C-alpha atoms as a PDB file:
ATOM      1  CA  UNK A   1      62.709 -50.047 -27.753  1.00  0.00           C
ATOM      2  CA  UNK A   2      60.265 -48.983 -25.068  1.00  0.00           C
ATOM      3  CA  UNK A   3      58.302 -51.541 -23.054  1.00  0.00           C
ATOM      4  CA  UNK A   4      55.089 -50.448 -24.814  1.00  0.00           C
ATOM      5  CA  UNK A   5      56.580 -50.836 -28.285  1.00  0.00           C
ATOM      6  CA  UNK A   6      58.053 -54.221 -27.345  1.00  0.00           C
ATOM      7  CA  UNK A   7      54.609 -55.319 -26.178  1.00  0.00           C
ATOM      8  CA  UNK A   8      53.054 -54.088 -29.433  1.00  0.00           C
ATOM      9  CA  UNK A   9      55.599 -56.088 -31.453  1.00  0.00           C
ATOM     10  CA  UNK A  10      54.854 -59.240 -29.432  1.00  0.00           C
ATOM     11  CA  UNK A  11      51.101 -58.723 -29.838  1.00  0.00           C
ATOM     12  CA  UNK A  12      51.505 -58.193 -33.583  1.00  0.00           C
ATOM     13  CA  UNK A  13      53.607 -61.345 -33.911  1.00  0.00           C
ATOM     14  CA  UNK A  14      51.044 -63.335 -31.916  1.00  0.00           C
ATOM     15  CA  UNK A  15      48.188 -62.072 -34.078  1.00  0.00           C
ATOM     16  CA  UNK A  16      50.088 -62.935 -37.280  1.00  0.00           C
ATOM     17  CA  UNK A  17      50.817 -66.381 -35.910  1.00  0.00           C
ATOM     18  CA  UNK A  18      47.185 -66.943 -34.898  1.00  0.00           C
ATOM     19  CA  UNK A  19      45.867 -65.829 -38.297  1.00  0.00           C
ATOM     20  CA  UNK A  20      48.396 -68.015 -40.129  1.00  0.00           C
ATOM     21  CA  UNK A  21      47.383 -71.008 -38.005  1.00  0.00           C
ATOM     22  CA  UNK A  22      43.703 -70.438 -38.764  1.00  0.00           C
ATOM     23  CA  UNK A  23      44.390 -70.095 -42.492  1.00  0.00           C
ATOM     24  CA  UNK A  24      46.582 -73.208 -42.434  1.00  0.00           C
ATOM     25  CA  UNK A  25      43.959 -75.181 -40.553  1.00  0.00           C
ATOM     26  CA  UNK A  26      41.281 -74.355 -43.136  1.00  0.00           C
ATOM     27  CA  UNK A  27      43.712 -74.947 -46.034  1.00  0.00           C
ATOM     28  CA  UNK A  28      44.810 -78.229 -44.427  1.00  0.00           C
ATOM     29  CA  UNK A  29      48.492 -77.347 -44.559  1.00  0.00           C
ATOM     30  CA  UNK A  30      51.373 -76.565 -42.228  1.00  0.00           C
ATOM     31  CA  UNK A  31      51.243 -73.024 -40.805  1.00  0.00           C
ATOM     32  CA  UNK A  32      54.930 -72.581 -41.647  1.00  0.00           C
ATOM     33  CA  UNK A  33      54.051 -72.818 -45.338  1.00  0.00           C
ATOM     34  CA  UNK A  34      51.529 -69.970 -45.212  1.00  0.00           C
ATOM     35  CA  UNK A  35      53.432 -67.007 -46.677  1.00  0.00           C
ATOM     36  CA  UNK A  36      52.149 -63.452 -46.353  1.00  0.00           C
ATOM     37  CA  UNK A  37      52.462 -63.018 -50.118  1.00  0.00           C
ATOM     38  CA  UNK A  38      50.357 -66.121 -50.827  1.00  0.00           C
ATOM     39  CA  UNK A  39      47.081 -65.668 -52.663  1.00  0.00           C
ATOM     40  CA  UNK A  40      44.376 -67.091 -50.450  1.00  0.00           C
ATOM     41  CA  UNK A  41      42.463 -68.495 -53.397  1.00  0.00           C
ATOM     42  CA  UNK A  42      45.129 -69.309 -55.984  1.00  0.00           C
ATOM     43  CA  UNK A  43      48.088 -70.388 -53.832  1.00  0.00           C
ATOM     44  CA  UNK A  44      46.264 -71.856 -50.845  1.00  0.00           C
ATOM     45  CA  UNK A  45      43.213 -73.201 -52.674  1.00  0.00           C
ATOM     46  CA  UNK A  46      40.731 -71.602 -50.292  1.00  0.00           C
ATOM     47  CA  UNK A  47      37.290 -71.057 -51.817  1.00  0.00           C
ATOM     48  CA  UNK A  48      34.818 -68.365 -50.783  1.00  0.00           C
ATOM     49  CA  UNK A  49      33.026 -70.601 -48.275  1.00  0.00           C
ATOM     50  CA  UNK A  50      36.296 -71.539 -46.562  1.00  0.00           C
ATOM     51  CA  UNK A  51      37.337 -67.861 -46.622  1.00  0.00           C
ATOM     52  CA  UNK A  52      34.157 -66.976 -44.737  1.00  0.00           C
ATOM     53  CA  UNK A  53      34.992 -69.718 -42.239  1.00  0.00           C
ATOM     54  CA  UNK A  54      38.425 -68.147 -41.721  1.00  0.00           C
ATOM     55  CA  UNK A  55      36.878 -64.710 -41.153  1.00  0.00           C
ATOM     56  CA  UNK A  56      34.358 -66.091 -38.664  1.00  0.00           C
ATOM     57  CA  UNK A  57      37.128 -67.900 -36.774  1.00  0.00           C
ATOM     58  CA  UNK A  58      39.256 -64.749 -36.636  1.00  0.00           C
ATOM     59  CA  UNK A  59      36.304 -62.678 -35.424  1.00  0.00           C
ATOM     60  CA  UNK A  60      35.545 -65.189 -32.694  1.00  0.00           C
ATOM     61  CA  UNK A  61      39.147 -65.625 -31.553  1.00  0.00           C
ATOM     62  CA  UNK A  62      40.036 -61.923 -31.538  1.00  0.00           C
ATOM     63  CA  UNK A  63      36.658 -60.476 -30.577  1.00  0.00           C
ATOM     64  CA  UNK A  64      36.420 -58.243 -33.631  1.00  0.00           C
ATOM     65  CA  UNK A  65      33.921 -57.632 -36.415  1.00  0.00           C
ATOM     66  CA  UNK A  66      35.319 -57.703 -39.934  1.00  0.00           C
ATOM     67  CA  UNK A  67      33.538 -55.515 -42.478  1.00  0.00           C
ATOM     68  CA  UNK A  68      32.326 -57.908 -45.184  1.00  0.00           C
ATOM     69  CA  UNK A  69      32.731 -55.276 -47.908  1.00  0.00           C
ATOM     70  CA  UNK A  70      36.402 -54.873 -46.992  1.00  0.00           C
ATOM     71  CA  UNK A  71      36.815 -58.642 -46.758  1.00  0.00           C
ATOM     72  CA  UNK A  72      36.005 -58.931 -50.472  1.00  0.00           C
ATOM     73  CA  UNK A  73      39.151 -56.879 -51.210  1.00  0.00           C
ATOM     74  CA  UNK A  74      41.381 -59.430 -49.468  1.00  0.00           C
ATOM     75  CA  UNK A  75      43.532 -61.333 -51.962  1.00  0.00           C
ATOM     76  CA  UNK A  76      46.656 -62.319 -50.045  1.00  0.00           C
ATOM     77  CA  UNK A  77      47.408 -63.412 -46.505  1.00  0.00           C
ATOM     78  CA  UNK A  78      49.088 -60.026 -46.041  1.00  0.00           C
ATOM     79  CA  UNK A  79      45.838 -58.290 -47.055  1.00  0.00           C
ATOM     80  CA  UNK A  80      44.024 -60.379 -44.446  1.00  0.00           C
ATOM     81  CA  UNK A  81      46.577 -59.475 -41.768  1.00  0.00           C
ATOM     82  CA  UNK A  82      46.244 -55.777 -42.647  1.00  0.00           C
ATOM     83  CA  UNK A  83      42.453 -55.981 -42.393  1.00  0.00           C
ATOM     84  CA  UNK A  84      42.638 -57.756 -39.035  1.00  0.00           C
ATOM     85  CA  UNK A  85      45.086 -55.120 -37.766  1.00  0.00           C
ATOM     86  CA  UNK A  86      42.726 -52.319 -38.871  1.00  0.00           C
ATOM     87  CA  UNK A  87      39.820 -53.997 -37.077  1.00  0.00           C
ATOM     88  CA  UNK A  88      41.860 -54.406 -33.894  1.00  0.00           C
ATOM     89  CA  UNK A  89      42.903 -50.735 -33.972  1.00  0.00           C
ATOM     90  CA  UNK A  90      39.274 -49.715 -34.459  1.00  0.00           C
ATOM     91  CA  UNK A  91      38.238 -51.935 -31.535  1.00  0.00           C
ATOM     92  CA  UNK A  92      40.844 -50.314 -29.247  1.00  0.00           C
ATOM     93  CA  UNK A  93      39.519 -46.835 -30.108  1.00  0.00           C
ATOM     94  CA  UNK A  94      35.963 -47.735 -29.086  1.00  0.00           C
END
């Protein structure tokens, strides 16, 4: 593994951890219980208002702008992580 790829893995892990913590905080649960396969609404009990709070927190913490139209397609924590990753890649290209 090259130093750049090792750094990318660490950054990705940190981002996943940060997003999980934010989701857990809003869902009022332990971050360790937030699985990537979990449905944000059905499994974690997060309503649309709380979901918007999560998105706003992620945008603020990571300095990104999340497309609201794409945010409506988010069902699972994994979907959210993928969307955040896309936004970060877009930010780096600018």
